[in-house]
Amino acid sequence: MLRTRALAPALLLLAPLAGGCGASASGADGPKTVTVTVGYQSKTINTVTAGTLLRSLGYFEQELAARGRQDGVTYKVDWQDYATGAPITAQMTAGKVDIGSMGDFPLLLNAARGKELGQPTRLVSVTGYNLRGGLNTIVTAPGAPYASLADLRGKKVSTSVGSAADGTLVRALQRAGIDPSNGVQKLNQQPSVGASALQAGSADALSQFVAWPGQLAYEGKAKALYDGAELNLPTFHGVTVRQKFAAQRAGVLDDFLRAQRKATEYLRTQPVAAAESVAKETGLPAEVVYLYNGANGIATFDPALRPELVAALKEDVPVLKDAKLVGDVDVDAFVDPAPLKRAVPEADHPAYPVAGSARPELWLRNEPATRTFDTPAALLKALKGAGAGAVRAAYVPDAVTGTPWFADKAVWVAQGAELRAFVTPAGAKSYVDQHAGSGARIVGFAEAEGLAS
């Protein structure tokens, strides 16, 4: 039996950090100043409508300036950037962060810790989501011999305990018949540490959330082993607020949610510009940002608290309970749709289309918009015509899960005149096995490009 090499999860998740000020007032005789502290994750790029992009656009500050002119208060925003959701929760439970954004599993920890420590929080909106779970991916080193999850039995797998990516790992291993508690050696690491461990060979695989898998694959430092969308379970990030702050500054929370809605509209109507902006702010390649946040990206952006997402959150609770990270969590009490309905009335909040029917997409240099295609073969034909030097990135959806991936990093299957792409070798092999006798075969990217007509 193998021992799970996890650092003390509770300590890692709850380590308090210095800084932060929450909402404050100053100047007994002069104008009142209120500072709103927002915790965000700049590189967790499907939270950008409540963080990186929102900050760069200045929409929240504009809303607060208008409010300040009405009530004679000067509002300031203190944006605090973190690598994961855990330190945001630590700061919120200390009363030092008012509004934060994080993934579904960290949101449950946020709810649990807030209740335990007398700083209850509420989930008030969603940033980005994928109804199949495609935001989380398990990757291995480019030259690793592993072809499926079954090959990870007894191996060292890096993840961040308590994160959505850890939840994906646990569920994926269970479906593969591997006990997640002792079937692998789990390394509890921050995403950047895990990425380094994978490259150094001290970890055999890495299970992480957006944008780490895509970034490593784009840079040629990893290949996909498991597409989280194979679970067919929703995963998302959302916005949480301290209940006391929401009660004391309801109007400010409304301003934030209106600003988030505006940032969502900007991202959806100007996806290339949004990707470039986020890339500039984070240092991530714009091509990676676009993989997740683009017009046909892995994430769908919509602030609405969709019933499917709330239901998925309830299904996440047992996973965290089994890991002894939470007890019972009252999800219905944690989810509060009232502020969003108040700030963005239903009539002004149309339902956005759901990701999952992505089309092949080509991003050429010096073009303000991307080109979409009806088939993978059409994309490959356009790639041949454009020439490598003219191409920034090409994206193609997985033939089964719909998860977009870089065309040159995908696993291709030729079946007669048809070309299909898959995120993982296991996905491609499964398709070929299911279509035995049809001539379906796995081919390299260069061969697939040559077959396109």
Protein backbone atom coordinates (compact mmCIF):
# COMPACT_ATOMS: atom_id res chain seq x y z
CA MET A 1 0.00 0.00 0.00
CA LEU A 2 1.39 3.42 -0.97
CA ARG A 3 1.30 6.40 1.33
CA THR A 4 -0.30 9.63 0.17
CA ARG A 5 2.34 12.35 0.38
CA ALA A 6 0.00 15.25 1.11
CA LEU A 7 1.09 18.18 3.22
CA ALA A 8 -1.26 18.91 6.10
CA PRO A 9 -4.18 20.16 4.01
CA ALA A 10 -5.86 22.20 6.70
CA LEU A 11 -2.67 24.10 7.43
CA LEU A 12 -1.97 24.71 3.76
CA LEU A 13 -5.49 25.92 3.11
CA LEU A 14 -5.86 28.14 6.14
CA ALA A 15 -2.43 29.70 6.62
CA PRO A 16 -3.21 33.38 7.36
CA LEU A 17 -1.54 36.09 5.32
CA ALA A 18 -0.68 39.65 6.22
CA GLY A 19 -2.29 42.62 4.53
CA GLY A 20 -5.75 43.52 3.39
CA CYS A 21 -8.04 46.06 4.92
CA GLY A 22 -11.63 45.27 3.99
CA ALA A 23 -14.09 48.15 3.89
CA SER A 24 -12.87 51.07 5.98
CA ALA A 25 -13.73 54.68 6.64
CA SER A 26 -11.38 57.55 7.38
CA GLY A 27 -11.54 61.26 8.04
CA ALA A 28 -13.93 62.22 10.83
CA ASP A 29 -14.41 65.76 9.50
CA GLY A 30 -13.53 65.25 5.83
CA PRO A 31 -15.01 63.15 3.07
CA LYS A 32 -15.53 59.54 3.94
CA THR A 33 -13.31 57.00 2.20
CA VAL A 34 -14.30 53.37 1.80
CA THR A 35 -11.81 50.79 0.61
CA VAL A 36 -13.19 47.62 -0.96
CA THR A 37 -10.73 44.72 -0.98
CA VAL A 38 -11.05 42.22 -3.79
CA GLY A 39 -9.12 38.96 -3.80
CA TYR A 40 -8.57 37.42 -7.22
CA GLN A 41 -6.35 34.94 -9.07
CA SER A 42 -4.78 36.65 -12.06
CA LYS A 43 -3.54 33.46 -13.69
CA THR A 44 -6.67 31.41 -13.08
CA ILE A 45 -7.98 32.91 -16.27
CA ASN A 46 -11.59 31.79 -16.17
CA THR A 47 -12.05 34.18 -13.24
CA VAL A 48 -10.95 37.21 -15.30
CA THR A 49 -14.40 38.80 -15.44
CA ALA A 50 -14.19 39.21 -11.66
CA GLY A 51 -10.44 39.79 -11.56
CA THR A 52 -7.72 40.40 -14.13
CA LEU A 53 -9.87 41.65 -17.02
CA LEU A 54 -12.28 43.51 -14.76
CA ARG A 55 -9.39 45.28 -13.07
CA SER A 56 -7.77 46.28 -16.37
CA LEU A 57 -11.04 47.64 -17.77
CA GLY A 58 -11.76 49.73 -14.68
CA TYR A 59 -15.49 48.98 -14.75
CA PHE A 60 -15.79 48.46 -10.98
CA GLU A 61 -14.04 51.75 -10.25
CA GLN A 62 -16.38 53.50 -12.70
CA GLU A 63 -19.44 52.10 -10.95
CA LEU A 64 -18.08 53.14 -7.56
CA ALA A 65 -17.21 56.63 -8.79
CA ALA A 66 -20.82 57.13 -9.85
CA ARG A 67 -22.03 55.88 -6.48
CA GLY A 68 -19.57 58.12 -4.68
CA ARG A 69 -20.87 61.20 -6.47
CA GLN A 70 -24.35 60.38 -5.24
CA ASP A 71 -23.59 59.67 -1.60
CA GLY A 72 -20.52 61.83 -1.03
CA VAL A 73 -18.17 58.93 -0.38
CA THR A 74 -14.79 58.25 -1.98
CA TYR A 75 -14.47 54.59 -2.90
CA LYS A 76 -11.17 52.84 -3.52
CA VAL A 77 -10.49 49.29 -4.66
CA ASP A 78 -7.61 47.25 -3.27
CA TRP A 79 -6.97 44.39 -5.72
CA GLN A 80 -5.05 41.52 -4.10
CA ASP A 81 -3.66 38.80 -6.37
CA TYR A 82 -3.25 35.19 -5.17
CA ALA A 83 -2.19 31.92 -6.80
CA THR A 84 -5.13 29.86 -5.50
CA GLY A 85 -8.42 30.29 -3.69
CA ALA A 86 -7.16 29.06 -0.31
CA PRO A 87 -5.39 32.29 0.78
CA ILE A 88 -8.37 34.33 -0.37
CA THR A 89 -10.54 32.30 2.00
CA ALA A 90 -8.00 32.81 4.79
CA GLN A 91 -8.16 36.57 4.26
CA MET A 92 -11.95 36.61 4.02
CA THR A 93 -12.36 34.69 7.27
CA ALA A 94 -10.00 37.23 8.87
CA GLY A 95 -12.27 40.03 7.62
CA LYS A 96 -9.54 41.41 5.35
CA VAL A 97 -10.95 40.56 1.91
CA ASP A 98 -14.52 41.52 1.04
CA ILE A 99 -15.08 39.89 -2.33
CA GLY A 100 -13.19 36.93 -3.81
CA SER A 101 -13.26 34.58 -6.78
CA MET A 102 -12.27 30.91 -6.78
CA GLY A 103 -13.13 27.45 -8.08
CA ASP A 104 -15.98 25.18 -7.05
CA PHE A 105 -14.10 23.04 -4.53
CA PRO A 106 -12.40 26.07 -2.90
CA LEU A 107 -15.83 27.74 -2.78
CA LEU A 108 -17.08 24.92 -0.57
CA LEU A 109 -14.05 25.33 1.68
CA ASN A 110 -14.82 29.05 1.71
CA ALA A 111 -18.36 28.30 2.88
CA ALA A 112 -17.21 25.85 5.54
CA ARG A 113 -14.41 27.99 6.96
CA GLY A 114 -16.52 31.13 6.93
CA LYS A 115 -19.19 29.44 9.01
CA GLU A 116 -16.67 27.88 11.40
CA LEU A 117 -14.79 31.13 12.01
CA GLY A 118 -17.75 33.49 12.32
CA GLN A 119 -17.29 35.17 8.92
CA PRO A 120 -20.00 33.52 6.82
CA THR A 121 -19.76 33.99 3.06
CA ARG A 122 -22.17 33.70 0.16
CA LEU A 123 -21.75 32.64 -3.47
CA VAL A 124 -23.29 35.43 -5.55
CA SER A 125 -22.23 34.84 -9.16
CA VAL A 126 -20.30 32.64 -11.58
CA THR A 127 -17.35 33.66 -13.74
CA GLY A 128 -16.45 30.84 -16.18
CA TYR A 129 -17.65 27.24 -16.32
CA ASN A 130 -17.62 24.07 -18.41
CA LEU A 131 -20.58 21.75 -18.03
CA ARG A 132 -18.50 18.64 -18.78
CA GLY A 133 -15.49 19.49 -16.57
CA GLY A 134 -13.04 20.43 -19.31
CA LEU A 135 -11.35 23.18 -17.28
CA ASN A 136 -9.23 20.61 -15.42
CA THR A 137 -6.66 18.36 -17.10
CA ILE A 138 -4.12 15.74 -16.06
CA VAL A 139 -0.84 16.03 -17.96
CA THR A 140 2.46 14.18 -18.08
CA ALA A 141 5.91 14.99 -19.41
CA PRO A 142 6.14 14.98 -23.25
CA GLY A 143 8.27 11.85 -23.37
CA ALA A 144 6.49 9.95 -20.60
CA PRO A 145 5.36 6.41 -21.50
CA TYR A 146 1.92 6.75 -19.89
CA ALA A 147 -1.02 6.25 -22.27
CA SER A 148 -3.91 6.30 -19.80
CA LEU A 149 -4.77 6.86 -16.14
CA ALA A 150 -4.25 3.16 -15.46
CA ASP A 151 -0.55 3.73 -16.08
CA LEU A 152 -0.36 6.11 -13.11
CA ARG A 153 -0.95 3.37 -10.54
CA GLY A 154 1.83 3.69 -7.97
CA LYS A 155 3.17 6.89 -9.57
CA LYS A 156 3.70 10.37 -8.14
CA VAL A 157 0.94 12.79 -9.08
CA SER A 158 1.11 16.47 -8.18
CA THR A 159 -2.07 18.42 -7.46
CA SER A 160 -3.39 21.04 -5.04
CA VAL A 161 -5.43 19.28 -2.37
CA GLY A 162 -8.87 20.83 -2.00
CA SER A 163 -8.85 22.30 -5.51
CA ALA A 164 -11.15 21.51 -8.41
CA ALA A 165 -8.20 19.82 -10.13
CA ASP A 166 -7.79 17.53 -7.13
CA GLY A 167 -11.48 16.70 -7.36
CA THR A 168 -11.00 15.76 -11.00
CA LEU A 169 -8.03 13.56 -10.09
CA VAL A 170 -9.95 11.77 -7.33
CA ARG A 171 -12.97 11.07 -9.51
CA ALA A 172 -10.91 10.08 -12.54
CA LEU A 173 -8.83 7.62 -10.51
CA GLN A 174 -11.97 6.12 -9.00
CA ARG A 175 -13.44 5.55 -12.46
CA ALA A 176 -10.17 3.94 -13.54
CA GLY A 177 -10.40 1.51 -10.61
CA ILE A 178 -7.57 3.15 -8.65
CA ASP A 179 -8.02 4.08 -4.99
CA PRO A 180 -7.16 7.81 -4.87
CA SER A 181 -6.00 7.55 -1.25
CA ASN A 182 -3.36 4.88 -1.76
CA GLY A 183 -3.26 3.92 -5.42
CA VAL A 184 -0.97 6.84 -6.32
CA GLN A 185 1.49 8.96 -4.39
CA LYS A 186 -0.27 12.29 -4.25
CA LEU A 187 1.96 15.35 -3.91
CA ASN A 188 0.11 18.33 -2.46
CA GLN A 189 1.73 21.28 -4.24
CA GLN A 190 0.98 24.75 -5.54
CA PRO A 191 0.45 24.72 -9.33
CA SER A 192 3.80 26.36 -10.10
CA VAL A 193 5.64 23.93 -7.82
CA GLY A 194 3.87 20.99 -9.43
CA ALA A 195 4.74 22.23 -12.91
CA SER A 196 8.41 22.42 -11.91
CA ALA A 197 8.23 18.97 -10.33
CA LEU A 198 6.83 17.53 -13.57
CA GLN A 199 9.66 19.05 -15.60
CA ALA A 200 12.28 17.90 -13.08
CA GLY A 201 10.94 14.35 -13.09
CA SER A 202 10.05 14.35 -9.40
CA ALA A 203 6.36 14.07 -10.35
CA ASP A 204 5.07 11.66 -12.98
CA ALA A 205 1.88 13.57 -13.67
CA LEU A 206 0.21 16.87 -12.82
CA SER A 207 -3.52 17.45 -12.27
CA GLN A 208 -4.30 21.15 -12.39
CA PHE A 209 -6.86 23.76 -13.29
CA VAL A 210 -6.88 26.41 -15.98
CA ALA A 211 -4.49 27.65 -17.32
CA TRP A 212 -1.60 25.41 -16.23
CA PRO A 213 -2.28 22.34 -18.43
CA GLY A 214 -2.79 24.44 -21.56
CA GLN A 215 0.27 26.56 -20.86
CA LEU A 216 2.54 23.56 -20.33
CA ALA A 217 1.21 21.85 -23.46
CA TYR A 218 1.62 25.02 -25.53
CA GLU A 219 5.22 25.38 -24.38
CA GLY A 220 5.97 21.74 -25.19
CA LYS A 221 6.55 20.89 -21.53
CA ALA A 222 3.63 18.48 -21.11
CA LYS A 223 1.11 16.38 -22.97
CA ALA A 224 -2.49 15.71 -21.98
CA LEU A 225 -3.21 12.35 -20.38
CA TYR A 226 -6.78 12.89 -19.15
CA ASP A 227 -9.39 15.42 -20.26
CA GLY A 228 -11.54 16.45 -17.30
CA ALA A 229 -14.53 16.62 -19.64
CA GLU A 230 -14.52 12.80 -19.70
CA LEU A 231 -16.15 12.99 -16.26
CA ASN A 232 -19.09 14.86 -17.77
CA LEU A 233 -19.52 16.76 -14.49
CA PRO A 234 -19.72 20.57 -14.40
CA THR A 235 -16.84 22.61 -13.02
CA PHE A 236 -16.83 26.36 -12.51
CA HIS A 237 -15.41 29.38 -10.72
CA GLY A 238 -17.51 31.91 -8.87
CA VAL A 239 -17.63 35.05 -6.78
CA THR A 240 -18.00 34.86 -3.02
CA VAL A 241 -18.62 37.74 -0.62
CA ARG A 242 -18.46 38.15 3.14
CA GLN A 243 -22.03 38.18 4.41
CA LYS A 244 -21.34 41.13 6.73
CA PHE A 245 -19.94 43.18 3.85
CA ALA A 246 -22.89 42.26 1.63
CA ALA A 247 -25.29 43.49 4.31
CA GLN A 248 -23.37 46.67 5.08
CA ARG A 249 -22.46 47.56 1.48
CA ALA A 250 -25.23 46.04 -0.63
CA GLY A 251 -24.95 48.84 -3.17
CA VAL A 252 -21.22 48.27 -3.58
CA LEU A 253 -21.82 44.56 -4.17
CA ASP A 254 -24.40 45.52 -6.79
CA ASP A 255 -21.78 47.72 -8.44
CA PHE A 256 -19.33 44.83 -8.52
CA LEU A 257 -21.86 42.49 -10.12
CA ARG A 258 -22.84 45.08 -12.71
CA ALA A 259 -19.17 45.62 -13.50
CA GLN A 260 -18.64 41.87 -13.77
CA ARG A 261 -21.52 41.68 -16.24
CA LYS A 262 -19.92 44.43 -18.34
CA ALA A 263 -16.58 42.62 -18.31
CA THR A 264 -18.36 39.45 -19.40
CA GLU A 265 -19.91 41.30 -22.33
CA TYR A 266 -16.51 42.70 -23.28
CA LEU A 267 -14.90 39.27 -23.23
CA ARG A 268 -17.67 37.73 -25.32
CA THR A 269 -17.81 40.52 -27.93
CA GLN A 270 -14.06 41.16 -28.11
CA PRO A 271 -12.44 37.80 -27.30
CA VAL A 272 -9.14 38.47 -29.05
CA ALA A 273 -8.69 41.87 -27.41
CA ALA A 274 -9.65 40.36 -24.05
CA ALA A 275 -7.10 37.56 -24.47
CA GLU A 276 -4.38 40.07 -25.37
CA SER A 277 -5.28 42.18 -22.34
CA VAL A 278 -5.20 39.25 -19.92
CA ALA A 279 -1.93 38.05 -21.45
CA LYS A 280 -0.37 41.46 -20.91
CA GLU A 281 -1.48 41.55 -17.28
CA THR A 282 -0.46 37.98 -16.41
CA GLY A 283 2.52 37.18 -18.62
CA LEU A 284 0.68 34.14 -19.98
CA PRO A 285 0.81 33.55 -23.73
CA ALA A 286 -2.26 35.10 -25.36
CA GLU A 287 -2.69 31.87 -27.33
CA VAL A 288 -3.15 29.97 -24.05
CA VAL A 289 -5.58 32.53 -22.68
CA TYR A 290 -7.62 32.25 -25.86
CA LEU A 291 -7.72 28.43 -25.62
CA TYR A 292 -9.82 28.82 -22.48
CA ASN A 293 -11.47 32.23 -22.90
CA GLY A 294 -11.87 32.55 -26.66
CA ALA A 295 -14.97 32.59 -28.81
CA ASN A 296 -14.90 28.78 -28.94
CA GLY A 297 -12.91 28.38 -25.73
CA ILE A 298 -13.15 25.73 -23.06
CA ALA A 299 -14.92 28.09 -20.67
CA THR A 300 -18.35 29.67 -20.97
CA PHE A 301 -18.64 33.02 -19.22
CA ASP A 302 -21.97 33.89 -17.62
CA PRO A 303 -22.57 35.34 -14.13
CA ALA A 304 -25.82 33.39 -13.71
CA LEU A 305 -26.00 30.80 -10.92
CA ARG A 306 -27.20 28.04 -13.21
CA PRO A 307 -29.09 25.15 -11.55
CA GLU A 308 -26.66 22.65 -13.11
CA LEU A 309 -23.75 24.36 -11.38
CA VAL A 310 -25.46 24.49 -7.99
CA ALA A 311 -26.35 20.81 -8.33
CA ALA A 312 -22.72 20.02 -9.20
CA LEU A 313 -21.55 21.91 -6.13
CA LYS A 314 -23.67 19.63 -3.97
CA GLU A 315 -22.06 16.59 -5.61
CA ASP A 316 -18.63 18.00 -4.76
CA VAL A 317 -19.29 18.00 -1.00
CA PRO A 318 -18.79 14.22 -0.49
CA VAL A 319 -15.39 14.38 -2.22
CA LEU A 320 -14.17 17.01 0.25
CA LYS A 321 -15.77 15.16 3.16
CA ASP A 322 -13.94 11.96 2.21
CA ALA A 323 -10.70 13.96 2.21
CA LYS A 324 -11.65 15.25 5.69
CA LEU A 325 -11.44 18.86 4.50
CA VAL A 326 -15.06 19.75 5.36
CA GLY A 327 -18.01 18.36 7.24
CA ASP A 328 -21.51 18.99 5.99
CA VAL A 329 -21.91 22.10 3.84
CA ASP A 330 -25.34 23.64 3.34
CA VAL A 331 -25.00 24.58 -0.33
CA ASP A 332 -28.50 26.03 -0.55
CA ALA A 333 -27.72 28.43 2.30
CA PHE A 334 -24.36 29.34 0.73
CA VAL A 335 -25.76 30.16 -2.71
CA ASP A 336 -27.44 33.55 -2.76
CA PRO A 337 -28.93 34.58 -6.13
CA ALA A 338 -30.63 37.70 -4.72
CA PRO A 339 -27.76 40.21 -5.25
CA LEU A 340 -27.33 39.27 -8.92
CA LYS A 341 -31.06 39.45 -9.56
CA ARG A 342 -31.13 42.84 -7.87
CA ALA A 343 -28.07 44.23 -9.63
CA VAL A 344 -28.70 42.67 -13.04
CA PRO A 345 -32.45 42.13 -13.48
CA GLU A 346 -33.48 39.03 -15.40
CA ALA A 347 -34.77 41.06 -18.33
CA ASP A 348 -31.29 42.52 -18.72
CA HIS A 349 -29.49 39.21 -18.22
CA PRO A 350 -29.93 36.92 -21.24
CA ALA A 351 -28.85 33.31 -21.05
CA TYR A 352 -25.54 32.88 -22.83
CA PRO A 353 -24.93 29.89 -25.12
CA VAL A 354 -23.24 26.96 -23.43
CA ALA A 355 -19.78 25.81 -24.48
CA GLY A 356 -19.58 22.29 -25.87
CA SER A 357 -20.20 22.73 -29.58
CA ALA A 358 -16.89 24.43 -30.31
CA ARG A 359 -15.75 24.81 -33.90
CA PRO A 360 -12.19 24.59 -35.23
CA GLU A 361 -10.58 28.01 -35.08
CA LEU A 362 -7.51 29.64 -36.63
CA TRP A 363 -5.71 32.70 -35.27
CA LEU A 364 -3.45 34.36 -37.82
CA ARG A 365 -0.89 37.02 -37.05
CA ASN A 366 -1.86 40.66 -37.52
CA GLU A 367 -5.56 39.82 -37.74
CA PRO A 368 -8.02 41.31 -35.21
CA ALA A 369 -10.33 38.29 -35.29
CA THR A 370 -10.01 34.54 -35.67
CA ARG A 371 -11.43 32.34 -38.42
CA THR A 372 -13.75 29.41 -37.74
CA PHE A 373 -14.31 26.26 -39.77
CA ASP A 374 -16.97 23.58 -40.04
CA THR A 375 -14.59 20.62 -39.88
CA PRO A 376 -11.11 19.77 -38.58
CA ALA A 377 -10.07 18.94 -42.15
CA ALA A 378 -11.04 22.45 -43.29
CA LEU A 379 -8.92 23.90 -40.49
CA LEU A 380 -5.91 21.80 -41.49
CA LYS A 381 -6.33 22.80 -45.13
CA ALA A 382 -6.33 26.46 -44.10
CA LEU A 383 -3.23 25.85 -41.98
CA LYS A 384 -1.39 24.45 -44.98
CA GLY A 385 -2.38 27.45 -47.07
CA ALA A 386 -1.43 30.01 -44.43
CA GLY A 387 2.08 28.76 -43.75
CA ALA A 388 3.57 28.21 -40.30
CA GLY A 389 4.98 31.74 -39.99
CA ALA A 390 1.56 33.32 -40.38
CA VAL A 391 -0.15 31.26 -37.68
CA ARG A 392 -0.43 32.26 -34.04
CA ALA A 393 -2.52 29.27 -32.99
CA ALA A 394 -4.98 26.72 -34.29
CA TYR A 395 -7.62 25.13 -32.07
CA VAL A 396 -9.69 22.01 -32.63
CA PRO A 397 -12.39 20.43 -30.44
CA ASP A 398 -12.12 16.89 -29.13
CA ALA A 399 -14.38 14.70 -31.27
CA VAL A 400 -16.12 13.23 -28.21
CA THR A 401 -15.86 15.67 -25.30
CA GLY A 402 -15.84 18.89 -27.33
CA THR A 403 -12.87 20.24 -25.34
CA PRO A 404 -10.83 22.59 -27.57
CA TRP A 405 -7.10 21.89 -27.77
CA PHE A 406 -4.13 23.10 -29.78
CA ALA A 407 -4.34 21.43 -33.18
CA ASP A 408 -0.63 20.55 -33.26
CA LYS A 409 -0.81 19.06 -29.74
CA ALA A 410 -3.95 17.01 -30.38
CA VAL A 411 -4.01 13.29 -31.21
CA TRP A 412 -5.42 12.80 -34.71
CA VAL A 413 -7.47 9.95 -36.14
CA ALA A 414 -7.98 9.40 -39.86
CA GLN A 415 -11.08 7.48 -40.86
CA GLY A 416 -11.47 7.40 -44.61
CA ALA A 417 -11.77 11.01 -45.71
CA GLU A 418 -12.67 12.14 -42.19
CA LEU A 419 -10.17 13.60 -39.73
CA ARG A 420 -10.94 13.78 -36.03
CA ALA A 421 -8.94 15.27 -33.16
CA PHE A 422 -8.69 14.18 -29.53
CA VAL A 423 -7.12 15.81 -26.48
CA THR A 424 -5.56 12.56 -25.23
CA PRO A 425 -4.06 9.37 -26.65
CA ALA A 426 -6.56 7.34 -24.62
CA GLY A 427 -9.46 9.21 -26.20
CA ALA A 428 -8.14 8.57 -29.69
CA LYS A 429 -7.45 4.89 -28.98
CA SER A 430 -10.93 4.42 -27.53
CA TYR A 431 -12.46 5.85 -30.69
CA VAL A 432 -10.33 3.64 -32.95
CA ASP A 433 -11.19 0.55 -30.89
CA GLN A 434 -14.90 1.37 -31.05
CA HIS A 435 -14.70 1.73 -34.84
CA ALA A 436 -12.65 -1.37 -35.59
CA GLY A 437 -13.01 -2.42 -39.20
CA SER A 438 -13.74 1.10 -40.40
CA GLY A 439 -10.13 1.86 -41.23
CA ALA A 440 -9.84 4.36 -38.38
CA ARG A 441 -6.20 4.84 -37.36
CA ILE A 442 -4.14 7.23 -35.26
CA VAL A 443 -1.91 9.51 -37.33
CA GLY A 444 0.60 12.23 -36.51
CA PHE A 445 -0.21 15.89 -36.95
CA ALA A 446 1.95 16.23 -40.06
CA GLU A 447 0.23 13.27 -41.70
CA ALA A 448 -3.19 14.61 -40.76
CA GLU A 449 -2.29 17.95 -42.29
CA GLY A 450 -1.12 16.17 -45.42
CA LEU A 451 -4.39 14.21 -45.66
CA ALA A 452 -6.53 17.36 -45.42
CA SER A 453 -8.04 18.30 -48.76
